Amino acid sequence: MTQVEQLQKEIDSLSDEEFKQLRRWFAEKDWERWDRQVEADVESGKLDFLLKEVEAAKEQKTLQEL
């Protein structure tokens, strides 16, 4: 049995409250990883094109407020 299969089996045996706690924890971990990935992408310049698009829209006065 793989580690993932073992975890799935254990998750299936959780009470509703334990499952809610796990789901909250997992969501937080997911957001943390996403934040780290975005930060890495910003540092590496992968998102520079977005800044250029914003600057161009601002110059053309087509930038819209959110």
C-alpha atoms as a PDB file:
ATOM      1  CA  MET A   1       0.000   0.000   0.000  1.00  0.00           C
ATOM      2  CA  THR A   2       1.398   3.402  -0.949  1.00  0.00           C
ATOM      3  CA  GLN A   3       1.662   6.237   1.522  1.00  0.00           C
ATOM      4  CA  VAL A   4      -1.173   8.070  -0.246  1.00  0.00           C
ATOM      5  CA  GLU A   5      -3.407   5.007  -0.071  1.00  0.00           C
ATOM      6  CA  GLN A   6      -2.639   4.677   3.639  1.00  0.00           C
ATOM      7  CA  LEU A   7      -3.510   8.347   4.197  1.00  0.00           C
ATOM      8  CA  GLN A   8      -6.746   7.947   2.260  1.00  0.00           C
ATOM      9  CA  LYS A   9      -7.704   4.996   4.427  1.00  0.00           C
ATOM     10  CA  GLU A  10      -6.972   6.961   7.594  1.00  0.00           C
ATOM     11  CA  ILE A  11      -8.893   9.997   6.330  1.00  0.00           C
ATOM     12  CA  ASP A  12     -11.901   7.816   5.608  1.00  0.00           C
ATOM     13  CA  SER A  13     -11.912   6.755   9.264  1.00  0.00           C
ATOM     14  CA  LEU A  14     -11.943  10.313  10.684  1.00  0.00           C
ATOM     15  CA  SER A  15     -14.927  11.685  12.537  1.00  0.00           C
ATOM     16  CA  ASP A  16     -16.760  14.616  10.957  1.00  0.00           C
ATOM     17  CA  GLU A  17     -15.032  17.071  13.306  1.00  0.00           C
ATOM     18  CA  GLU A  18     -11.588  15.597  12.648  1.00  0.00           C
ATOM     19  CA  PHE A  19     -12.275  15.749   8.921  1.00  0.00           C
ATOM     20  CA  LYS A  20     -13.225  19.452   9.214  1.00  0.00           C
ATOM     21  CA  GLN A  21      -9.974  20.134  11.077  1.00  0.00           C
ATOM     22  CA  LEU A  22      -7.968  18.302   8.436  1.00  0.00           C
ATOM     23  CA  ARG A  23      -9.746  20.128   5.631  1.00  0.00           C
ATOM     24  CA  ARG A  24      -8.956  23.523   7.213  1.00  0.00           C
ATOM     25  CA  TRP A  25      -5.334  22.531   7.752  1.00  0.00           C
ATOM     26  CA  PHE A  26      -5.034  21.252   4.189  1.00  0.00           C
ATOM     27  CA  ALA A  27      -6.548  24.431   2.726  1.00  0.00           C
ATOM     28  CA  GLU A  28      -4.091  26.566   4.708  1.00  0.00           C
ATOM     29  CA  LYS A  29      -1.154  24.437   3.519  1.00  0.00           C
ATOM     30  CA  ASP A  30      -2.377  24.704  -0.060  1.00  0.00           C
ATOM     31  CA  TRP A  31      -2.546  28.522   0.156  1.00  0.00           C
ATOM     32  CA  GLU A  32       0.914  28.660   1.761  1.00  0.00           C
ATOM     33  CA  ARG A  33       2.398  26.660  -1.114  1.00  0.00           C
ATOM     34  CA  TRP A  34       0.566  28.828  -3.642  1.00  0.00           C
ATOM     35  CA  ASP A  35       1.913  31.992  -1.964  1.00  0.00           C
ATOM     36  CA  ARG A  36       5.469  30.629  -2.067  1.00  0.00           C
ATOM     37  CA  GLN A  37       5.082  29.764  -5.757  1.00  0.00           C
ATOM     38  CA  VAL A  38       3.800  33.247  -6.609  1.00  0.00           C
ATOM     39  CA  GLU A  39       6.669  34.814  -4.661  1.00  0.00           C
ATOM     40  CA  ALA A  40       9.175  32.648  -6.538  1.00  0.00           C
ATOM     41  CA  ASP A  41       7.561  33.551  -9.863  1.00  0.00           C
ATOM     42  CA  VAL A  42       7.741  37.262  -9.017  1.00  0.00           C
ATOM     43  CA  GLU A  43      11.399  36.991  -8.003  1.00  0.00           C
ATOM     44  CA  SER A  44      12.290  35.082 -11.156  1.00  0.00           C
ATOM     45  CA  GLY A  45      10.542  37.617 -13.402  1.00  0.00           C
ATOM     46  CA  LYS A  46       7.904  35.194 -14.684  1.00  0.00           C
ATOM     47  CA  LEU A  47       5.170  37.712 -13.866  1.00  0.00           C
ATOM     48  CA  ASP A  48       6.877  40.790 -15.300  1.00  0.00           C
ATOM     49  CA  PHE A  49       4.560  40.646 -18.302  1.00  0.00           C
ATOM     50  CA  LEU A  50       1.658  41.518 -15.997  1.00  0.00           C
ATOM     51  CA  LEU A  51       3.383  44.695 -14.835  1.00  0.00           C
ATOM     52  CA  LYS A  52       4.028  45.649 -18.458  1.00  0.00           C
ATOM     53  CA  GLU A  53       0.357  45.098 -19.310  1.00  0.00           C
ATOM     54  CA  VAL A  54      -0.721  47.287 -16.399  1.00  0.00           C
ATOM     55  CA  GLU A  55       1.723  50.031 -17.329  1.00  0.00           C
ATOM     56  CA  ALA A  56       0.505  49.958 -20.954  1.00  0.00           C
ATOM     57  CA  ALA A  57      -3.140  50.082 -19.868  1.00  0.00           C
ATOM     58  CA  LYS A  58      -2.350  52.979 -17.545  1.00  0.00           C
ATOM     59  CA  GLU A  59      -0.637  54.920 -20.352  1.00  0.00           C
ATOM     60  CA  GLN A  60      -3.584  54.269 -22.676  1.00  0.00           C
ATOM     61  CA  LYS A  61      -5.980  55.228 -19.870  1.00  0.00           C
ATOM     62  CA  THR A  62      -7.768  51.900 -20.179  1.00  0.00           C
ATOM     63  CA  LEU A  63      -6.875  50.709 -16.690  1.00  0.00           C
ATOM     64  CA  GLN A  64     -10.031  49.956 -14.733  1.00  0.00           C
ATOM     65  CA  GLU A  65     -10.484  50.137 -10.986  1.00  0.00           C
ATOM     66  CA  LEU A  66     -11.525  46.944  -9.251  1.00  0.00           C
END
